[in-house]
C-alpha atoms as a PDB file:
ATOM      1  CA  MET A   1      -8.180 -45.247 -27.348  1.00  0.00           C
ATOM      2  CA  ALA A   2      -8.655 -48.121 -29.808  1.00  0.00           C
ATOM      3  CA  LEU A   3     -12.198 -48.584 -28.497  1.00  0.00           C
ATOM      4  CA  LEU A   4     -13.004 -44.938 -29.234  1.00  0.00           C
ATOM      5  CA  ARG A   5     -11.539 -45.145 -32.752  1.00  0.00           C
ATOM      6  CA  GLN A   6     -13.582 -48.261 -33.446  1.00  0.00           C
ATOM      7  CA  CYS A   7     -16.737 -46.494 -32.254  1.00  0.00           C
ATOM      8  CA  ALA A   8     -15.919 -43.417 -34.340  1.00  0.00           C
ATOM      9  CA  ARG A   9     -15.362 -45.537 -37.482  1.00  0.00           C
ATOM     10  CA  ARG A  10     -18.876 -46.945 -37.085  1.00  0.00           C
ATOM     11  CA  HIS A  11     -20.294 -43.420 -37.147  1.00  0.00           C
ATOM     12  CA  SER A  12     -18.028 -42.048 -39.870  1.00  0.00           C
ATOM     13  CA  ARG A  13     -17.394 -43.038 -43.459  1.00  0.00           C
ATOM     14  CA  VAL A  14     -13.847 -41.724 -43.728  1.00  0.00           C
ATOM     15  CA  ASP A  15     -10.923 -42.685 -41.476  1.00  0.00           C
ATOM     16  CA  HIS A  16      -9.608 -39.162 -40.994  1.00  0.00           C
ATOM     17  CA  GLU A  17     -13.108 -38.029 -39.991  1.00  0.00           C
ATOM     18  CA  ALA A  18     -13.188 -40.798 -37.392  1.00  0.00           C
ATOM     19  CA  ASP A  19      -9.895 -39.540 -35.967  1.00  0.00           C
ATOM     20  CA  ASP A  20     -11.330 -36.007 -35.912  1.00  0.00           C
ATOM     21  CA  LEU A  21     -14.373 -37.266 -34.008  1.00  0.00           C
ATOM     22  CA  VAL A  22     -12.181 -38.928 -31.395  1.00  0.00           C
ATOM     23  CA  GLN A  23     -10.063 -35.791 -31.005  1.00  0.00           C
ATOM     24  CA  ASP A  24     -13.135 -33.555 -30.696  1.00  0.00           C
ATOM     25  CA  VAL A  25     -14.665 -35.792 -28.033  1.00  0.00           C
ATOM     26  CA  LEU A  26     -11.400 -36.017 -26.095  1.00  0.00           C
ATOM     27  CA  LEU A  27     -11.097 -32.240 -26.197  1.00  0.00           C
ATOM     28  CA  LEU A  28     -14.681 -31.966 -24.983  1.00  0.00           C
ATOM     29  CA  ALA A  29     -13.855 -34.366 -22.127  1.00  0.00           C
ATOM     30  CA  VAL A  30     -10.793 -32.359 -21.101  1.00  0.00           C
ATOM     31  CA  THR A  31     -12.636 -29.021 -21.192  1.00  0.00           C
ATOM     32  CA  GLY A  32     -15.552 -30.579 -19.292  1.00  0.00           C
ATOM     33  CA  GLY A  33     -13.278 -31.918 -16.556  1.00  0.00           C
ATOM     34  CA  ARG A  34     -13.904 -35.602 -17.311  1.00  0.00           C
ATOM     35  CA  ARG A  35     -11.186 -38.119 -16.506  1.00  0.00           C
ATOM     36  CA  ILE A  36     -10.348 -40.896 -18.918  1.00  0.00           C
ATOM     37  CA  THR A  37      -9.745 -43.232 -15.994  1.00  0.00           C
ATOM     38  CA  ASP A  38     -13.322 -42.923 -14.691  1.00  0.00           C
ATOM     39  CA  LEU A  39     -15.479 -46.046 -15.005  1.00  0.00           C
ATOM     40  CA  GLY A  40     -18.269 -44.342 -16.970  1.00  0.00           C
ATOM     41  CA  PHE A  41     -15.953 -42.552 -19.388  1.00  0.00           C
ATOM     42  CA  ALA A  42     -16.160 -45.177 -22.152  1.00  0.00           C
ATOM     43  CA  ALA A  43     -19.960 -45.150 -22.178  1.00  0.00           C
ATOM     44  CA  TRP A  44     -20.023 -41.340 -22.129  1.00  0.00           C
ATOM     45  CA  ALA A  45     -17.435 -41.145 -24.928  1.00  0.00           C
ATOM     46  CA  LYS A  46     -19.389 -43.561 -27.142  1.00  0.00           C
ATOM     47  CA  GLY A  47     -22.536 -41.455 -26.748  1.00  0.00           C
ATOM     48  CA  ALA A  48     -20.592 -38.247 -27.293  1.00  0.00           C
ATOM     49  CA  ILE A  49     -18.999 -39.644 -30.473  1.00  0.00           C
ATOM     50  CA  ARG A  50     -22.392 -40.750 -31.775  1.00  0.00           C
ATOM     51  CA  ASN A  51     -23.978 -37.343 -31.072  1.00  0.00           C
ATOM     52  CA  HIS A  52     -21.028 -35.386 -32.423  1.00  0.00           C
ATOM     53  CA  ALA A  53     -20.990 -37.515 -35.599  1.00  0.00           C
ATOM     54  CA  ARG A  54     -24.661 -36.707 -36.148  1.00  0.00           C
ATOM     55  CA  PHE A  55     -23.977 -33.023 -35.579  1.00  0.00           C
ATOM     56  CA  VAL A  56     -21.079 -33.053 -38.056  1.00  0.00           C
ATOM     57  CA  ALA A  57     -23.199 -34.889 -40.637  1.00  0.00           C
ATOM     58  CA  ARG A  58     -26.076 -32.385 -40.297  1.00  0.00           C
ATOM     59  CA  THR A  59     -23.672 -29.477 -40.604  1.00  0.00           C
ATOM     60  CA  ALA A  60     -22.108 -30.961 -43.734  1.00  0.00           C
ATOM     61  CA  ALA A  61     -25.528 -31.598 -45.290  1.00  0.00           C
ATOM     62  CA  ARG A  62     -26.618 -28.017 -44.623  1.00  0.00           C
ATOM     63  CA  ARG A  63     -23.369 -26.691 -46.070  1.00  0.00           C
ATOM     64  CA  ARG A  64     -23.831 -28.783 -49.226  1.00  0.00           C
ATOM     65  CA  ALA A  65     -27.421 -27.532 -49.559  1.00  0.00           C
ATOM     66  CA  ARG A  66     -26.278 -23.908 -49.223  1.00  0.00           C
ATOM     67  CA  GLU A  67     -23.485 -24.402 -51.742  1.00  0.00           C
ATOM     68  CA  THR A  68     -25.813 -26.122 -54.195  1.00  0.00           C
ATOM     69  CA  ALA A  69     -28.381 -23.345 -53.829  1.00  0.00           C
ATOM     70  CA  TRP A  70     -25.666 -20.761 -54.407  1.00  0.00           C
ATOM     71  CA  GLU A  71     -24.287 -22.530 -57.500  1.00  0.00           C
ATOM     72  CA  ASN A  72     -27.692 -23.383 -58.967  1.00  0.00           C
ATOM     73  CA  PRO A  73     -30.139 -20.718 -57.842  1.00  0.00           C
ATOM     74  CA  ASP A  74     -33.788 -21.648 -58.034  1.00  0.00           C
ATOM     75  CA  THR A  75     -35.216 -19.285 -60.631  1.00  0.00           C
ATOM     76  CA  THR A  76     -38.802 -20.381 -60.034  1.00  0.00           C
ATOM     77  CA  GLY A  77     -39.050 -18.423 -56.778  1.00  0.00           C
ATOM     78  CA  GLU A  78     -37.613 -15.207 -58.148  1.00  0.00           C
ATOM     79  CA  THR A  79     -39.870 -12.443 -59.312  1.00  0.00           C
ATOM     80  CA  SER A  80     -38.982 -10.899 -62.621  1.00  0.00           C
ATOM     81  CA  PRO A  81     -39.828  -7.290 -63.418  1.00  0.00           C
ATOM     82  CA  ARG A  82     -43.579  -7.107 -63.788  1.00  0.00           C
ATOM     83  CA  PHE A  83     -43.669  -4.122 -66.094  1.00  0.00           C
ATOM     84  CA  SER A  84     -41.679  -3.501 -69.254  1.00  0.00           C
ATOM     85  CA  LYS A  85     -39.592  -0.369 -69.722  1.00  0.00           C
ATOM     86  CA  ALA A  86     -41.884   0.798 -72.516  1.00  0.00           C
ATOM     87  CA  PHE A  87     -44.965   0.435 -70.324  1.00  0.00           C
ATOM     88  CA  ILE A  88     -43.332   2.273 -67.424  1.00  0.00           C
ATOM     89  CA  ALA A  89     -42.258   5.110 -69.739  1.00  0.00           C
ATOM     90  CA  SER A  90     -45.889   5.581 -70.836  1.00  0.00           C
ATOM     91  CA  LEU A  91     -47.145   6.135 -67.272  1.00  0.00           C
ATOM     92  CA  PRO A  92     -47.657   9.452 -65.483  1.00  0.00           C
ATOM     93  CA  PRO A  93     -44.778  10.262 -63.081  1.00  0.00           C
ATOM     94  CA  ALA A  94     -46.626   9.234 -59.895  1.00  0.00           C
ATOM     95  CA  GLN A  95     -47.633   5.836 -61.281  1.00  0.00           C
ATOM     96  CA  ARG A  96     -44.227   5.408 -62.920  1.00  0.00           C
ATOM     97  CA  MET A  97     -42.510   5.609 -59.542  1.00  0.00           C
ATOM     98  CA  VAL A  98     -44.878   3.050 -58.020  1.00  0.00           C
ATOM     99  CA  ALA A  99     -44.345   0.708 -60.996  1.00  0.00           C
ATOM    100  CA  LEU A 100     -40.562   0.973 -60.671  1.00  0.00           C
ATOM    101  CA  LEU A 101     -40.728   0.183 -56.967  1.00  0.00           C
ATOM    102  CA  VAL A 102     -43.039  -2.774 -57.623  1.00  0.00           C
ATOM    103  CA  ASN A 103     -40.495  -4.064 -60.136  1.00  0.00           C
ATOM    104  CA  LEU A 104     -37.848  -3.875 -57.405  1.00  0.00           C
ATOM    105  CA  GLY A 105     -39.984  -6.128 -55.222  1.00  0.00           C
ATOM    106  CA  LEU A 106     -41.002  -3.586 -52.588  1.00  0.00           C
ATOM    107  CA  ASP A 107     -44.348  -4.103 -50.925  1.00  0.00           C
ATOM    108  CA  ARG A 108     -47.091  -1.698 -49.849  1.00  0.00           C
ATOM    109  CA  VAL A 109     -45.521  -0.740 -46.507  1.00  0.00           C
ATOM    110  CA  GLU A 110     -42.153   0.008 -48.071  1.00  0.00           C
ATOM    111  CA  ILE A 111     -43.566   1.926 -51.031  1.00  0.00           C
ATOM    112  CA  THR A 112     -45.864   4.093 -48.904  1.00  0.00           C
ATOM    113  CA  HIS A 113     -42.997   4.887 -46.553  1.00  0.00           C
ATOM    114  CA  LEU A 114     -40.528   5.678 -49.294  1.00  0.00           C
ATOM    115  CA  LEU A 115     -42.921   7.915 -51.234  1.00  0.00           C
ATOM    116  CA  ALA A 116     -44.515   9.421 -48.092  1.00  0.00           C
ATOM    117  CA  LEU A 117     -47.960   8.331 -49.274  1.00  0.00           C
ATOM    118  CA  SER A 118     -51.061   7.672 -47.256  1.00  0.00           C
ATOM    119  CA  ASP A 119     -52.653   4.290 -47.753  1.00  0.00           C
ATOM    120  CA  THR A 120     -55.489   5.925 -49.717  1.00  0.00           C
ATOM    121  CA  ALA A 121     -53.104   7.729 -52.073  1.00  0.00           C
ATOM    122  CA  PHE A 122     -51.172   4.511 -52.630  1.00  0.00           C
ATOM    123  CA  ARG A 123     -54.358   2.595 -53.454  1.00  0.00           C
ATOM    124  CA  GLN A 124     -55.352   5.310 -55.961  1.00  0.00           C
ATOM    125  CA  ARG A 125     -51.974   5.118 -57.695  1.00  0.00           C
ATOM    126  CA  LEU A 126     -52.112   1.335 -57.713  1.00  0.00           C
ATOM    127  CA  SER A 127     -55.649   1.420 -59.136  1.00  0.00           C
ATOM    128  CA  GLY A 128     -54.524   3.776 -61.911  1.00  0.00           C
ATOM    129  CA  LEU A 129     -51.548   1.528 -62.576  1.00  0.00           C
ATOM    130  CA  ARG A 130     -53.839  -1.505 -62.768  1.00  0.00           C
ATOM    131  CA  LYS A 131     -56.141   0.269 -65.276  1.00  0.00           C
ATOM    132  CA  ALA A 132     -53.198   1.318 -67.440  1.00  0.00           C
ATOM    133  CA  PHE A 133     -51.836  -2.216 -67.268  1.00  0.00           C
ATOM    134  CA  ASP A 134     -55.163  -3.724 -68.344  1.00  0.00           C
ATOM    135  CA  ALA A 135     -55.551  -1.128 -71.130  1.00  0.00           C
ATOM    136  CA  ALA A 136     -52.091  -2.023 -72.431  1.00  0.00           C
ATOM    137  CA  GLY A 137     -53.145  -5.661 -72.733  1.00  0.00           C
ATOM    138  CA  GLY A 138     -51.349  -6.875 -69.610  1.00  0.00           C
ATOM    139  CA  GLU A 139     -51.841 -10.217 -67.948  1.00  0.00           C
ATOM    140  CA  ALA A 140     -55.026 -10.947 -66.019  1.00  0.00           C
ATOM    141  CA  GLU A 141     -53.047 -11.223 -62.769  1.00  0.00           C
ATOM    142  CA  PHE A 142     -51.985  -7.983 -61.224  1.00  0.00           C
ATOM    143  CA  GLY A 143     -50.571  -7.288 -57.830  1.00  0.00           C
ATOM    144  CA  ILE A 144     -47.432  -6.632 -55.928  1.00  0.00           C
ATOM    145  CA  PRO A 145     -45.414  -9.834 -56.074  1.00  0.00           C
ATOM    146  CA  PRO A 146     -43.828 -10.991 -52.817  1.00  0.00           C
ATOM    147  CA  MET A 147     -40.110 -10.449 -52.499  1.00  0.00           C
ATOM    148  CA  PRO A 148     -38.207 -13.731 -52.541  1.00  0.00           C
ATOM    149  CA  GLY A 149     -36.805 -14.479 -49.131  1.00  0.00           C
ATOM    150  CA  ASP A 150     -39.409 -12.609 -47.077  1.00  0.00           C
ATOM    151  CA  GLY A 151     -37.750 -13.729 -43.872  1.00  0.00           C
ATOM    152  CA  PRO A 152     -36.439 -12.111 -40.723  1.00  0.00           C
ATOM    153  CA  ALA A 153     -34.108  -9.749 -42.624  1.00  0.00           C
ATOM    154  CA  ARG A 154     -36.988  -8.402 -44.694  1.00  0.00           C
ATOM    155  CA  ARG A 155     -39.219  -8.040 -41.621  1.00  0.00           C
ATOM    156  CA  SER A 156     -36.476  -6.148 -39.799  1.00  0.00           C
ATOM    157  CA  LEU A 157     -36.289  -3.726 -42.715  1.00  0.00           C
ATOM    158  CA  LYS A 158     -40.018  -3.078 -42.462  1.00  0.00           C
ATOM    159  CA  LEU A 159     -39.798  -2.473 -38.734  1.00  0.00           C
ATOM    160  CA  ALA A 160     -36.980   0.005 -39.297  1.00  0.00           C
ATOM    161  CA  LEU A 161     -39.180   2.107 -41.596  1.00  0.00           C
ATOM    162  CA  ARG A 162     -40.700   4.319 -38.929  1.00  0.00           C
ATOM    163  CA  PRO A 163     -43.464   6.699 -40.029  1.00  0.00           C
ATOM    164  CA  HIS A 164     -41.853   9.759 -38.403  1.00  0.00           C
ATOM    165  CA  ALA A 165     -38.384   9.123 -39.828  1.00  0.00           C
ATOM    166  CA  ALA A 166     -36.960  10.846 -42.876  1.00  0.00           C
ATOM    167  CA  ARG A 167     -37.612   8.946 -46.078  1.00  0.00           C
ATOM    168  CA  ALA A 168     -35.258   6.001 -46.441  1.00  0.00           C
ATOM    169  CA  PHE A 169     -35.019   3.344 -49.094  1.00  0.00           C
ATOM    170  CA  ALA A 170     -34.260  -0.100 -47.688  1.00  0.00           C
ATOM    171  CA  ILE A 171     -33.225  -3.201 -49.578  1.00  0.00           C
ATOM    172  CA  ARG A 172     -31.145  -6.259 -48.806  1.00  0.00           C
ATOM    173  CA  ASP A 173     -28.197  -7.834 -50.571  1.00  0.00           C
ATOM    174  CA  PRO A 174     -28.238 -11.508 -51.664  1.00  0.00           C
ATOM    175  CA  ASP A 175     -26.848 -12.545 -48.278  1.00  0.00           C
ATOM    176  CA  GLY A 176     -29.835 -10.956 -46.504  1.00  0.00           C
ATOM    177  CA  ILE A 177     -27.920  -8.016 -45.033  1.00  0.00           C
ATOM    178  CA  PRO A 178     -30.111  -4.893 -44.863  1.00  0.00           C
ATOM    179  CA  ILE A 179     -28.946  -1.836 -46.804  1.00  0.00           C
ATOM    180  CA  PHE A 180     -30.501   1.578 -46.175  1.00  0.00           C
ATOM    181  CA  PHE A 181     -30.360   4.660 -48.360  1.00  0.00           C
ATOM    182  CA  SER A 182     -31.587   7.835 -46.720  1.00  0.00           C
ATOM    183  CA  LYS A 183     -32.198  11.458 -47.643  1.00  0.00           C
ATOM    184  CA  ARG A 184     -31.002  12.470 -44.168  1.00  0.00           C
ATOM    185  CA  ASP A 185     -27.675  14.089 -43.526  1.00  0.00           C
ATOM    186  CA  HIS A 186     -24.938  11.769 -42.385  1.00  0.00           C
ATOM    187  CA  VAL A 187     -25.269  12.906 -38.780  1.00  0.00           C
ATOM    188  CA  SER A 188     -28.787  13.416 -37.515  1.00  0.00           C
ATOM    189  CA  PRO A 189     -29.539  14.695 -34.009  1.00  0.00           C
ATOM    190  CA  GLY A 190     -31.228  12.180 -31.752  1.00  0.00           C
ATOM    191  CA  ASP A 191     -31.020   9.162 -34.056  1.00  0.00           C
ATOM    192  CA  GLY A 192     -27.223   8.964 -34.402  1.00  0.00           C
ATOM    193  CA  ASN A 193     -25.530   8.142 -37.690  1.00  0.00           C
END
């Protein structure tokens, strides 16, 4: 036991963490059916302590990174509203809706699904929006900015927007959990709730 504690102290900075490492490895040995009296147990335990210490250190580093990102969000990656309220109010209703959805960070697939537009109709509205933006003295850059965090959660939302389905508005909360708003009744035949 003293040999295992000594090994754990080499791989840990804090004494109580070293004791936790030893306990975790002993528990792993018991659940794995290993016997402490076996000749190769000490060598196995040293390797298991080393590997478990690395695992614990990686987990702690990832947790600190998540907590730091949560406390100090990186504002450089976020997209701010592209269009001002005054500019949006000056647009025709069709372009106004597209501009509002662009400000929310939705992309072409999501906007065309939500508004039930063909790709051609969407391009026409976007072209009109671009002309109005340029006429109002907007920036030289124009386009639909990418949503921050375009990861698996965002891709799953896009896949859920089926062309034959009733119009649904899909977003995600800061934790990446998809949220759907639909014009369907609560219970729809065939698709469930």
